[in-house]
Amino acid sequence: MDPTSISGLPYRLCSLLLASAPRRDCIGEFKKQPPTADVFYMPLWSKEELATIAPMYPHAAAVWENRFDCLGGVPRLVLQDIGTNAQALLMSACSSCSLDDCTMLVSIHSKGNSKTTIAQTLIHILSQEPYREYEVVYASDLAMQLIVRTKWRFDRARLQSLLGWSYGKSLAQSLCGYIFEFYSMDRLEQGGTFVYRELFSGKRKRTPADGTIDIPRSSQPRQVAERVEVGQHANQLYVPGTSNYTAIDAWMPQFGGFQMTVGKTHDIKSGAANDLAKLGQNGNRLFFLLPPLYYKTFTKKTPQTIKQYAILVPYPRCVMN
């Protein structure tokens, strides 16, 4: 709405404009009026701030914390519009938006329409004190996971093309970790020959030891399992059935466990050593699957009693060309 068209609004006296959503038309109209209005950007609410007002919405008492974790600090979505499950709301937005919409659509200067409204479920405008600048971020880790999961089925090549070529594009770069996980899992399932090196500690940690390792092609498509168990099929790739299973990302009995890694600081999770011990002969070892950016500099992690290796997962050719 053009603020100058609102009857009785003393817009000529305004020296401050608080923008809570993309409204290029609104901001533009105010900037035309002398003196030029100062523009501040509405911050997202923190969990502590929402907890303060949550008692005013007793119908949301049982769900608001989970909705905050899924949908971010937007009070309307967390406390008021709770008729739709948070994950279902994100899935609906993913289905309605193209990959381009999910990586470049929303900014404070976007023109408000139905598409930007849907995209704002996934993408938020974040501002911090003194609120004169903003950045665009995804609503949550879950939002990023669902974007990649839904687009992987139908737009896999374009998702893969973002690997290594998204620097300076903050939204696309944020997705790369999740894209790499999906891409690495596909490569694991297919098997093949990979460049790798054993990870050492102390004085030996910089010893060059690049070689190649053959990962057997999984006898069947990756199998979903509740947990690592003794007696699972050798050379079959397994993945956990829930995201709550954090010990290892995937495993192959008689071969080892796998962690998809997109940074230098990835730690070994609690329970990993126990899981690896169940993988049988040659299975008690942990492989970190790494993109080219981190392969050379990745170091051994604690507990260092676990045999650890770095595997180079090169970007697909569509990225390298």
C-alpha atoms as a PDB file:
ATOM      1  CA  MET A   1       0.000   0.000   0.000  1.00  0.00           C
ATOM      2  CA  ASP A   2       1.214   3.494  -0.846  1.00  0.00           C
ATOM      3  CA  PRO A   3       1.597   5.154   2.578  1.00  0.00           C
ATOM      4  CA  THR A   4       0.793   8.540   1.060  1.00  0.00           C
ATOM      5  CA  SER A   5      -2.682   7.244   0.190  1.00  0.00           C
ATOM      6  CA  ILE A   6      -3.639   6.428   3.792  1.00  0.00           C
ATOM      7  CA  SER A   7      -6.123   9.017   4.945  1.00  0.00           C
ATOM      8  CA  GLY A   8      -4.981  10.895   8.017  1.00  0.00           C
ATOM      9  CA  LEU A   9      -1.473   9.406   8.114  1.00  0.00           C
ATOM     10  CA  PRO A  10       0.947  12.290   8.843  1.00  0.00           C
ATOM     11  CA  TYR A  11       3.605  10.823   6.574  1.00  0.00           C
ATOM     12  CA  ARG A  12       5.218  14.223   6.008  1.00  0.00           C
ATOM     13  CA  LEU A  13       6.204  14.234   9.683  1.00  0.00           C
ATOM     14  CA  CYS A  14       7.819  10.763   9.546  1.00  0.00           C
ATOM     15  CA  SER A  15      11.555  10.622  10.206  1.00  0.00           C
ATOM     16  CA  LEU A  16      11.747   6.885  10.880  1.00  0.00           C
ATOM     17  CA  LEU A  17      10.511   3.873   8.908  1.00  0.00           C
ATOM     18  CA  LEU A  18      10.608   0.363  10.390  1.00  0.00           C
ATOM     19  CA  ALA A  19      10.577  -2.279   7.652  1.00  0.00           C
ATOM     20  CA  SER A  20       9.463  -5.702   8.854  1.00  0.00           C
ATOM     21  CA  ALA A  21       9.018  -7.277   5.411  1.00  0.00           C
ATOM     22  CA  PRO A  22      10.002  -6.678   1.774  1.00  0.00           C
ATOM     23  CA  ARG A  23       8.062  -3.590   0.719  1.00  0.00           C
ATOM     24  CA  ARG A  24      10.063  -1.756  -1.925  1.00  0.00           C
ATOM     25  CA  ASP A  25       7.028   0.336  -2.847  1.00  0.00           C
ATOM     26  CA  CYS A  26       6.460   1.438   0.734  1.00  0.00           C
ATOM     27  CA  ILE A  27      10.105   2.307   1.364  1.00  0.00           C
ATOM     28  CA  GLY A  28      10.351   4.107  -1.956  1.00  0.00           C
ATOM     29  CA  GLU A  29       7.340   6.313  -1.270  1.00  0.00           C
ATOM     30  CA  PHE A  30       8.627   7.359   2.124  1.00  0.00           C
ATOM     31  CA  LYS A  31      12.062   8.176   0.710  1.00  0.00           C
ATOM     32  CA  LYS A  32      10.452  10.613  -1.722  1.00  0.00           C
ATOM     33  CA  GLN A  33       9.232  12.805   1.127  1.00  0.00           C
ATOM     34  CA  PRO A  34      11.509  15.484   2.601  1.00  0.00           C
ATOM     35  CA  PRO A  35      13.206  15.078   4.954  1.00  0.00           C
ATOM     36  CA  THR A  36      14.372  11.613   3.856  1.00  0.00           C
ATOM     37  CA  ALA A  37      13.262   9.038   6.416  1.00  0.00           C
ATOM     38  CA  ASP A  38      15.754   6.865   8.245  1.00  0.00           C
ATOM     39  CA  VAL A  39      15.246   3.177   7.463  1.00  0.00           C
ATOM     40  CA  PHE A  40      15.655   0.554  10.173  1.00  0.00           C
ATOM     41  CA  TYR A  41      15.094  -3.170   9.727  1.00  0.00           C
ATOM     42  CA  MET A  42      12.967  -5.245  12.076  1.00  0.00           C
ATOM     43  CA  PRO A  43      15.047  -7.914  13.888  1.00  0.00           C
ATOM     44  CA  LEU A  44      13.876 -11.489  14.247  1.00  0.00           C
ATOM     45  CA  TRP A  45      12.753 -12.494  17.722  1.00  0.00           C
ATOM     46  CA  SER A  46      15.041 -14.619  19.889  1.00  0.00           C
ATOM     47  CA  LYS A  47      13.813 -17.706  21.717  1.00  0.00           C
ATOM     48  CA  GLU A  48      14.130 -15.864  25.037  1.00  0.00           C
ATOM     49  CA  GLU A  49      12.028 -12.963  23.754  1.00  0.00           C
ATOM     50  CA  LEU A  50       9.330 -15.300  22.471  1.00  0.00           C
ATOM     51  CA  ALA A  51       9.305 -17.125  25.812  1.00  0.00           C
ATOM     52  CA  THR A  52       8.404 -13.824  27.465  1.00  0.00           C
ATOM     53  CA  ILE A  53       5.205 -13.386  25.457  1.00  0.00           C
ATOM     54  CA  ALA A  54       4.348 -17.078  24.952  1.00  0.00           C
ATOM     55  CA  PRO A  55       2.010 -17.148  28.019  1.00  0.00           C
ATOM     56  CA  MET A  56      -0.251 -14.759  26.095  1.00  0.00           C
ATOM     57  CA  TYR A  57      -0.853 -17.619  23.601  1.00  0.00           C
ATOM     58  CA  PRO A  58      -1.791 -20.631  25.776  1.00  0.00           C
ATOM     59  CA  HIS A  59      -2.970 -22.621  22.730  1.00  0.00           C
ATOM     60  CA  ALA A  60       0.645 -22.594  21.517  1.00  0.00           C
ATOM     61  CA  ALA A  61       2.181 -23.722  24.811  1.00  0.00           C
ATOM     62  CA  ALA A  62       2.902 -27.286  23.661  1.00  0.00           C
ATOM     63  CA  VAL A  63       4.273 -26.452  20.212  1.00  0.00           C
ATOM     64  CA  TRP A  64       5.880 -23.019  20.106  1.00  0.00           C
ATOM     65  CA  GLU A  65       9.434 -24.097  20.975  1.00  0.00           C
ATOM     66  CA  ASN A  66       9.467 -26.715  18.223  1.00  0.00           C
ATOM     67  CA  ARG A  67       7.952 -24.208  15.807  1.00  0.00           C
ATOM     68  CA  PHE A  68      10.690 -21.713  16.682  1.00  0.00           C
ATOM     69  CA  ASP A  69      13.375 -24.320  15.944  1.00  0.00           C
ATOM     70  CA  CYS A  70      11.735 -25.088  12.580  1.00  0.00           C
ATOM     71  CA  LEU A  71      10.435 -21.696  11.455  1.00  0.00           C
ATOM     72  CA  GLY A  72      12.712 -19.156  13.149  1.00  0.00           C
ATOM     73  CA  GLY A  73      11.896 -16.019  15.100  1.00  0.00           C
ATOM     74  CA  VAL A  74       8.676 -14.854  13.450  1.00  0.00           C
ATOM     75  CA  PRO A  75       6.025 -14.520  16.203  1.00  0.00           C
ATOM     76  CA  ARG A  76       3.099 -14.903  13.820  1.00  0.00           C
ATOM     77  CA  LEU A  77       4.316 -18.308  12.621  1.00  0.00           C
ATOM     78  CA  VAL A  78       5.472 -19.485  16.037  1.00  0.00           C
ATOM     79  CA  LEU A  79       2.610 -18.337  18.264  1.00  0.00           C
ATOM     80  CA  GLN A  80      -0.403 -17.401  16.149  1.00  0.00           C
ATOM     81  CA  ASP A  81      -0.772 -19.277  12.850  1.00  0.00           C
ATOM     82  CA  ILE A  82      -0.240 -22.740  14.325  1.00  0.00           C
ATOM     83  CA  GLY A  83      -2.975 -24.625  12.490  1.00  0.00           C
ATOM     84  CA  THR A  84      -0.451 -26.247  10.132  1.00  0.00           C
ATOM     85  CA  ASN A  85       2.420 -28.422  11.337  1.00  0.00           C
ATOM     86  CA  ALA A  86       5.739 -26.565  11.077  1.00  0.00           C
ATOM     87  CA  GLN A  87       7.435 -29.135   8.841  1.00  0.00           C
ATOM     88  CA  ALA A  88       4.372 -29.335   6.599  1.00  0.00           C
ATOM     89  CA  LEU A  89       4.451 -25.550   6.270  1.00  0.00           C
ATOM     90  CA  LEU A  90       8.088 -25.659   5.160  1.00  0.00           C
ATOM     91  CA  MET A  91       7.414 -28.531   2.758  1.00  0.00           C
ATOM     92  CA  SER A  92       4.542 -26.613   1.176  1.00  0.00           C
ATOM     93  CA  ALA A  93       6.768 -23.578   0.673  1.00  0.00           C
ATOM     94  CA  CYS A  94       9.521 -25.746  -0.860  1.00  0.00           C
ATOM     95  CA  SER A  95       7.031 -27.241  -3.307  1.00  0.00           C
ATOM     96  CA  SER A  96       5.666 -23.832  -4.291  1.00  0.00           C
ATOM     97  CA  CYS A  97       9.070 -22.219  -4.862  1.00  0.00           C
ATOM     98  CA  SER A  98      11.591 -22.971  -7.589  1.00  0.00           C
ATOM     99  CA  LEU A  99      15.277 -23.440  -6.800  1.00  0.00           C
ATOM    100  CA  ASP A 100      15.884 -19.864  -7.969  1.00  0.00           C
ATOM    101  CA  ASP A 101      13.192 -18.644  -5.592  1.00  0.00           C
ATOM    102  CA  CYS A 102      14.912 -20.503  -2.763  1.00  0.00           C
ATOM    103  CA  THR A 103      18.322 -18.965  -3.408  1.00  0.00           C
ATOM    104  CA  MET A 104      17.843 -15.421  -4.644  1.00  0.00           C
ATOM    105  CA  LEU A 105      14.264 -14.192  -4.439  1.00  0.00           C
ATOM    106  CA  VAL A 106      13.792 -12.286  -1.191  1.00  0.00           C
ATOM    107  CA  SER A 107      15.466  -9.029  -0.212  1.00  0.00           C
ATOM    108  CA  ILE A 108      14.244  -5.929   1.542  1.00  0.00           C
ATOM    109  CA  HIS A 109      13.767  -4.379  -1.902  1.00  0.00           C
ATOM    110  CA  SER A 110      11.615  -7.212  -3.254  1.00  0.00           C
ATOM    111  CA  LYS A 111       8.168  -6.246  -4.418  1.00  0.00           C
ATOM    112  CA  GLY A 112       5.554  -7.800  -2.184  1.00  0.00           C
ATOM    113  CA  ASN A 113       3.469 -10.513  -3.882  1.00  0.00           C
ATOM    114  CA  SER A 114       2.186 -14.018  -3.208  1.00  0.00           C
ATOM    115  CA  LYS A 115       5.498 -15.642  -4.195  1.00  0.00           C
ATOM    116  CA  THR A 116       7.587 -13.525  -1.822  1.00  0.00           C
ATOM    117  CA  THR A 117       5.094 -14.225   0.953  1.00  0.00           C
ATOM    118  CA  ILE A 118       5.543 -17.981   0.455  1.00  0.00           C
ATOM    119  CA  ALA A 119       9.322 -17.679   0.194  1.00  0.00           C
ATOM    120  CA  GLN A 120       9.448 -15.748   3.457  1.00  0.00           C
ATOM    121  CA  THR A 121       8.482 -18.962   5.249  1.00  0.00           C
ATOM    122  CA  LEU A 122      11.875 -20.321   4.156  1.00  0.00           C
ATOM    123  CA  ILE A 123      13.937 -17.143   3.994  1.00  0.00           C
ATOM    124  CA  HIS A 124      14.137 -14.421   6.621  1.00  0.00           C
ATOM    125  CA  ILE A 125      15.538 -10.919   6.717  1.00  0.00           C
ATOM    126  CA  LEU A 126      17.846 -10.636   9.731  1.00  0.00           C
ATOM    127  CA  SER A 127      18.999  -7.385  11.306  1.00  0.00           C
ATOM    128  CA  GLN A 128      21.084  -6.672  14.382  1.00  0.00           C
ATOM    129  CA  GLU A 129      21.698  -3.553  16.414  1.00  0.00           C
ATOM    130  CA  PRO A 130      21.824  -0.722  15.283  1.00  0.00           C
ATOM    131  CA  TYR A 131      19.381  -2.207  12.688  1.00  0.00           C
ATOM    132  CA  ARG A 132      20.579  -0.109   9.756  1.00  0.00           C
ATOM    133  CA  GLU A 133      21.751  -3.102   7.704  1.00  0.00           C
ATOM    134  CA  TYR A 134      20.317  -6.555   7.079  1.00  0.00           C
ATOM    135  CA  GLU A 135      21.217  -9.966   5.742  1.00  0.00           C
ATOM    136  CA  VAL A 136      19.091 -12.701   4.249  1.00  0.00           C
ATOM    137  CA  VAL A 137      19.176 -16.083   6.005  1.00  0.00           C
ATOM    138  CA  TYR A 138      17.267 -19.345   5.952  1.00  0.00           C
ATOM    139  CA  ALA A 139      14.650 -19.861   8.641  1.00  0.00           C
ATOM    140  CA  SER A 140      16.395 -22.926  10.110  1.00  0.00           C
ATOM    141  CA  ASP A 141      18.603 -25.925   9.423  1.00  0.00           C
ATOM    142  CA  LEU A 142      15.424 -27.891   8.760  1.00  0.00           C
ATOM    143  CA  ALA A 143      14.381 -25.392   6.091  1.00  0.00           C
ATOM    144  CA  MET A 144      17.710 -25.886   4.301  1.00  0.00           C
ATOM    145  CA  GLN A 145      17.484 -29.670   4.574  1.00  0.00           C
ATOM    146  CA  LEU A 146      13.989 -29.695   3.100  1.00  0.00           C
ATOM    147  CA  ILE A 147      14.921 -27.363   0.237  1.00  0.00           C
ATOM    148  CA  VAL A 148      17.762 -29.658  -0.807  1.00  0.00           C
ATOM    149  CA  ARG A 149      15.726 -32.826  -0.267  1.00  0.00           C
ATOM    150  CA  THR A 150      12.773 -31.634  -2.365  1.00  0.00           C
ATOM    151  CA  LYS A 151      14.882 -30.117  -5.151  1.00  0.00           C
ATOM    152  CA  TRP A 152      17.303 -33.078  -5.272  1.00  0.00           C
ATOM    153  CA  ARG A 153      14.645 -35.273  -6.862  1.00  0.00           C
ATOM    154  CA  PHE A 154      13.870 -32.975  -9.787  1.00  0.00           C
ATOM    155  CA  ASP A 155      16.724 -30.450 -10.062  1.00  0.00           C
ATOM    156  CA  ARG A 156      19.770 -32.477  -9.043  1.00  0.00           C
ATOM    157  CA  ALA A 157      22.106 -31.173 -11.743  1.00  0.00           C
ATOM    158  CA  ARG A 158      21.415 -27.544 -10.883  1.00  0.00           C
ATOM    159  CA  LEU A 159      21.872 -28.211  -7.175  1.00  0.00           C
ATOM    160  CA  GLN A 160      25.207 -29.876  -7.857  1.00  0.00           C
ATOM    161  CA  SER A 161      26.259 -26.903  -9.971  1.00  0.00           C
ATOM    162  CA  LEU A 162      26.112 -24.746  -6.835  1.00  0.00           C
ATOM    163  CA  LEU A 163      28.963 -26.718  -5.263  1.00  0.00           C
ATOM    164  CA  GLY A 164      32.110 -24.620  -5.397  1.00  0.00           C
ATOM    165  CA  TRP A 165      30.463 -21.791  -7.364  1.00  0.00           C
ATOM    166  CA  SER A 166      28.327 -20.044  -4.781  1.00  0.00           C
ATOM    167  CA  TYR A 167      30.871 -17.766  -3.111  1.00  0.00           C
ATOM    168  CA  GLY A 168      29.420 -14.314  -2.570  1.00  0.00           C
ATOM    169  CA  LYS A 169      25.887 -15.733  -2.773  1.00  0.00           C
ATOM    170  CA  SER A 170      25.132 -16.246   0.898  1.00  0.00           C
ATOM    171  CA  LEU A 171      21.917 -18.236   0.494  1.00  0.00           C
ATOM    172  CA  ALA A 172      23.307 -20.631  -2.101  1.00  0.00           C
ATOM    173  CA  GLN A 173      26.500 -21.031  -0.091  1.00  0.00           C
ATOM    174  CA  SER A 174      24.474 -21.943   3.003  1.00  0.00           C
ATOM    175  CA  LEU A 175      22.864 -24.796   1.073  1.00  0.00           C
ATOM    176  CA  CYS A 176      26.167 -26.258  -0.112  1.00  0.00           C
ATOM    177  CA  GLY A 177      26.779 -28.316   3.015  1.00  0.00           C
ATOM    178  CA  TYR A 178      23.469 -30.112   2.599  1.00  0.00           C
ATOM    179  CA  ILE A 179      23.975 -30.504  -1.160  1.00  0.00           C
ATOM    180  CA  PHE A 180      27.387 -32.046  -0.506  1.00  0.00           C
ATOM    181  CA  GLU A 181      25.850 -34.552   1.922  1.00  0.00           C
ATOM    182  CA  PHE A 182      23.337 -35.748  -0.691  1.00  0.00           C
ATOM    183  CA  TYR A 183      25.986 -35.813  -3.424  1.00  0.00           C
ATOM    184  CA  SER A 184      28.487 -37.723  -1.252  1.00  0.00           C
ATOM    185  CA  MET A 185      25.864 -40.275  -0.271  1.00  0.00           C
ATOM    186  CA  ASP A 186      25.132 -40.952  -3.941  1.00  0.00           C
ATOM    187  CA  ARG A 187      28.849 -41.381  -4.638  1.00  0.00           C
ATOM    188  CA  LEU A 188      29.172 -43.792  -1.717  1.00  0.00           C
ATOM    189  CA  GLU A 189      26.287 -45.885  -2.961  1.00  0.00           C
ATOM    190  CA  GLN A 190      27.830 -46.099  -6.447  1.00  0.00           C
ATOM    191  CA  GLY A 191      31.251 -47.028  -5.078  1.00  0.00           C
ATOM    192  CA  GLY A 192      34.477 -46.555  -7.014  1.00  0.00           C
ATOM    193  CA  THR A 193      38.082 -45.481  -6.549  1.00  0.00           C
ATOM    194  CA  PHE A 194      38.766 -42.436  -4.369  1.00  0.00           C
ATOM    195  CA  VAL A 195      41.854 -40.476  -3.357  1.00  0.00           C
ATOM    196  CA  TYR A 196      42.383 -40.792   0.377  1.00  0.00           C
ATOM    197  CA  ARG A 197      44.926 -40.454   3.167  1.00  0.00           C
ATOM    198  CA  GLU A 198      45.192 -41.739   6.705  1.00  0.00           C
ATOM    199  CA  LEU A 199      44.928 -39.096   9.414  1.00  0.00           C
ATOM    200  CA  PHE A 200      47.676 -39.007  12.022  1.00  0.00           C
ATOM    201  CA  SER A 201      48.240 -37.078  15.230  1.00  0.00           C
ATOM    202  CA  GLY A 202      51.230 -35.273  16.693  1.00  0.00           C
ATOM    203  CA  LYS A 203      54.383 -35.071  14.579  1.00  0.00           C
ATOM    204  CA  ARG A 204      52.979 -37.422  11.939  1.00  0.00           C
ATOM    205  CA  LYS A 205      49.837 -35.391  11.206  1.00  0.00           C
ATOM    206  CA  ARG A 206      51.423 -33.563   8.253  1.00  0.00           C
ATOM    207  CA  THR A 207      52.929 -36.688   6.701  1.00  0.00           C
ATOM    208  CA  PRO A 208      51.838 -36.859   3.042  1.00  0.00           C
ATOM    209  CA  ALA A 209      50.227 -40.244   2.508  1.00  0.00           C
ATOM    210  CA  ASP A 210      47.802 -39.840  -0.387  1.00  0.00           C
ATOM    211  CA  GLY A 211      46.759 -43.052  -2.025  1.00  0.00           C
ATOM    212  CA  THR A 212      43.630 -44.569  -3.501  1.00  0.00           C
ATOM    213  CA  ILE A 213      40.950 -46.702  -1.922  1.00  0.00           C
ATOM    214  CA  ASP A 214      38.257 -48.793  -3.594  1.00  0.00           C
ATOM    215  CA  ILE A 215      34.814 -48.514  -2.030  1.00  0.00           C
ATOM    216  CA  PRO A 216      32.649 -51.448  -3.152  1.00  0.00           C
ATOM    217  CA  ARG A 217      29.429 -50.659  -4.943  1.00  0.00           C
ATOM    218  CA  SER A 218      26.543 -51.267  -2.575  1.00  0.00           C
ATOM    219  CA  SER A 219      24.786 -54.534  -3.442  1.00  0.00           C
ATOM    220  CA  GLN A 220      21.400 -52.779  -3.138  1.00  0.00           C
ATOM    221  CA  PRO A 221      20.298 -49.149  -2.876  1.00  0.00           C
ATOM    222  CA  ARG A 222      21.161 -47.682   0.506  1.00  0.00           C
ATOM    223  CA  GLN A 223      19.193 -49.354   3.266  1.00  0.00           C
ATOM    224  CA  VAL A 224      17.555 -47.467   6.117  1.00  0.00           C
ATOM    225  CA  ALA A 225      18.269 -48.969   9.535  1.00  0.00           C
ATOM    226  CA  GLU A 226      17.396 -47.939  13.055  1.00  0.00           C
ATOM    227  CA  ARG A 227      20.989 -48.396  14.209  1.00  0.00           C
ATOM    228  CA  VAL A 228      24.262 -50.212  13.564  1.00  0.00           C
ATOM    229  CA  GLU A 229      23.864 -53.866  14.466  1.00  0.00           C
ATOM    230  CA  VAL A 230      26.135 -56.897  14.345  1.00  0.00           C
ATOM    231  CA  GLY A 231      25.235 -59.166  11.436  1.00  0.00           C
ATOM    232  CA  GLN A 232      24.130 -56.557   8.904  1.00  0.00           C
ATOM    233  CA  HIS A 233      25.113 -57.396   5.313  1.00  0.00           C
ATOM    234  CA  ALA A 234      28.733 -56.833   4.326  1.00  0.00           C
ATOM    235  CA  ASN A 235      29.459 -54.159   1.710  1.00  0.00           C
ATOM    236  CA  GLN A 236      25.901 -52.839   1.908  1.00  0.00           C
ATOM    237  CA  LEU A 237      25.492 -49.125   2.559  1.00  0.00           C
ATOM    238  CA  TYR A 238      23.220 -48.296   5.496  1.00  0.00           C
ATOM    239  CA  VAL A 239      21.914 -44.930   6.678  1.00  0.00           C
ATOM    240  CA  PRO A 240      20.066 -44.098   9.912  1.00  0.00           C
ATOM    241  CA  GLY A 241      16.325 -43.690   9.709  1.00  0.00           C
ATOM    242  CA  THR A 242      16.150 -40.492  11.766  1.00  0.00           C
ATOM    243  CA  SER A 243      18.148 -37.286  12.004  1.00  0.00           C
ATOM    244  CA  ASN A 244      18.413 -37.871  15.763  1.00  0.00           C
ATOM    245  CA  TYR A 245      20.945 -40.637  15.105  1.00  0.00           C
ATOM    246  CA  THR A 246      24.167 -38.621  15.225  1.00  0.00           C
ATOM    247  CA  ALA A 247      26.947 -41.157  15.835  1.00  0.00           C
ATOM    248  CA  ILE A 248      27.805 -41.669  12.137  1.00  0.00           C
ATOM    249  CA  ASP A 249      26.120 -40.601   8.905  1.00  0.00           C
ATOM    250  CA  ALA A 250      26.386 -43.959   7.118  1.00  0.00           C
ATOM    251  CA  TRP A 251      28.101 -47.311   7.462  1.00  0.00           C
ATOM    252  CA  MET A 252      29.130 -50.383   5.494  1.00  0.00           C
ATOM    253  CA  PRO A 253      29.773 -53.599   7.465  1.00  0.00           C
ATOM    254  CA  GLN A 254      33.248 -55.078   6.890  1.00  0.00           C
ATOM    255  CA  PHE A 255      34.394 -51.700   5.538  1.00  0.00           C
ATOM    256  CA  GLY A 256      33.773 -48.811   7.976  1.00  0.00           C
ATOM    257  CA  GLY A 257      31.709 -45.818   8.980  1.00  0.00           C
ATOM    258  CA  PHE A 258      31.329 -42.523   7.121  1.00  0.00           C
ATOM    259  CA  GLN A 259      30.940 -38.878   8.078  1.00  0.00           C
ATOM    260  CA  MET A 260      29.963 -36.246   5.478  1.00  0.00           C
ATOM    261  CA  THR A 261      32.100 -33.239   6.350  1.00  0.00           C
ATOM    262  CA  VAL A 262      32.012 -29.678   5.027  1.00  0.00           C
ATOM    263  CA  GLY A 263      34.340 -27.944   7.499  1.00  0.00           C
ATOM    264  CA  LYS A 264      37.626 -28.373   9.350  1.00  0.00           C
ATOM    265  CA  THR A 265      36.110 -28.511  12.836  1.00  0.00           C
ATOM    266  CA  HIS A 266      33.883 -31.580  12.468  1.00  0.00           C
ATOM    267  CA  ASP A 267      34.021 -33.644  15.669  1.00  0.00           C
ATOM    268  CA  ILE A 268      33.506 -37.356  16.208  1.00  0.00           C
ATOM    269  CA  LYS A 269      30.128 -37.821  17.842  1.00  0.00           C
ATOM    270  CA  SER A 270      29.404 -39.752  21.001  1.00  0.00           C
ATOM    271  CA  GLY A 271      28.664 -43.382  20.251  1.00  0.00           C
ATOM    272  CA  ALA A 272      30.755 -43.551  17.074  1.00  0.00           C
ATOM    273  CA  ALA A 273      33.400 -45.840  18.590  1.00  0.00           C
ATOM    274  CA  ASN A 274      30.758 -48.316  19.777  1.00  0.00           C
ATOM    275  CA  ASP A 275      29.101 -48.356  16.354  1.00  0.00           C
ATOM    276  CA  LEU A 276      32.379 -48.889  14.503  1.00  0.00           C
ATOM    277  CA  ALA A 277      33.236 -51.841  16.747  1.00  0.00           C
ATOM    278  CA  LYS A 278      30.101 -53.623  15.475  1.00  0.00           C
ATOM    279  CA  LEU A 279      31.102 -53.427  11.801  1.00  0.00           C
ATOM    280  CA  GLY A 280      33.266 -56.545  11.822  1.00  0.00           C
ATOM    281  CA  GLN A 281      36.657 -57.244  10.279  1.00  0.00           C
ATOM    282  CA  ASN A 282      38.125 -54.120   8.625  1.00  0.00           C
ATOM    283  CA  GLY A 283      35.053 -52.195   9.742  1.00  0.00           C
ATOM    284  CA  ASN A 284      36.490 -50.474  12.792  1.00  0.00           C
ATOM    285  CA  ARG A 285      37.573 -47.299  10.998  1.00  0.00           C
ATOM    286  CA  LEU A 286      36.024 -43.925  10.260  1.00  0.00           C
ATOM    287  CA  PHE A 287      36.147 -42.174   6.890  1.00  0.00           C
ATOM    288  CA  PHE A 288      35.544 -38.427   6.591  1.00  0.00           C
ATOM    289  CA  LEU A 289      34.188 -37.551   3.140  1.00  0.00           C
ATOM    290  CA  LEU A 290      35.542 -34.104   2.275  1.00  0.00           C
ATOM    291  CA  PRO A 291      35.185 -31.570  -0.555  1.00  0.00           C
ATOM    292  CA  PRO A 292      38.371 -30.312  -2.264  1.00  0.00           C
ATOM    293  CA  LEU A 293      38.401 -27.146  -0.132  1.00  0.00           C
ATOM    294  CA  TYR A 294      39.073 -29.044   3.109  1.00  0.00           C
ATOM    295  CA  TYR A 295      40.664 -32.324   2.065  1.00  0.00           C
ATOM    296  CA  LYS A 296      44.335 -31.283   2.374  1.00  0.00           C
ATOM    297  CA  THR A 297      44.036 -29.478   5.711  1.00  0.00           C
ATOM    298  CA  PHE A 298      41.710 -31.830   7.592  1.00  0.00           C
ATOM    299  CA  THR A 299      43.282 -33.301  10.748  1.00  0.00           C
ATOM    300  CA  LYS A 300      42.664 -36.244  13.052  1.00  0.00           C
ATOM    301  CA  LYS A 301      39.884 -35.827  15.610  1.00  0.00           C
ATOM    302  CA  THR A 302      39.344 -36.972  19.188  1.00  0.00           C
ATOM    303  CA  PRO A 303      39.155 -39.787  20.265  1.00  0.00           C
ATOM    304  CA  GLN A 304      42.366 -40.474  18.400  1.00  0.00           C
ATOM    305  CA  THR A 305      42.226 -44.185  19.232  1.00  0.00           C
ATOM    306  CA  ILE A 306      39.837 -44.524  16.258  1.00  0.00           C
ATOM    307  CA  LYS A 307      41.565 -45.148  12.933  1.00  0.00           C
ATOM    308  CA  GLN A 308      40.602 -42.196  10.769  1.00  0.00           C
ATOM    309  CA  TYR A 309      40.906 -41.399   7.065  1.00  0.00           C
ATOM    310  CA  ALA A 310      40.099 -38.461   4.801  1.00  0.00           C
ATOM    311  CA  ILE A 311      38.456 -39.264   1.459  1.00  0.00           C
ATOM    312  CA  LEU A 312      38.425 -36.671  -1.310  1.00  0.00           C
ATOM    313  CA  VAL A 313      35.022 -36.317  -2.968  1.00  0.00           C
ATOM    314  CA  PRO A 314      35.646 -34.180  -6.069  1.00  0.00           C
ATOM    315  CA  TYR A 315      32.909 -31.891  -7.272  1.00  0.00           C
ATOM    316  CA  PRO A 316      30.897 -33.136 -10.249  1.00  0.00           C
ATOM    317  CA  ARG A 317      32.165 -32.227 -13.710  1.00  0.00           C
ATOM    318  CA  CYS A 318      29.389 -29.691 -14.221  1.00  0.00           C
ATOM    319  CA  VAL A 319      31.049 -27.692 -11.417  1.00  0.00           C
ATOM    320  CA  MET A 320      34.648 -28.160 -12.478  1.00  0.00           C
ATOM    321  CA  ASN A 321      34.152 -27.132 -16.117  1.00  0.00           C
END
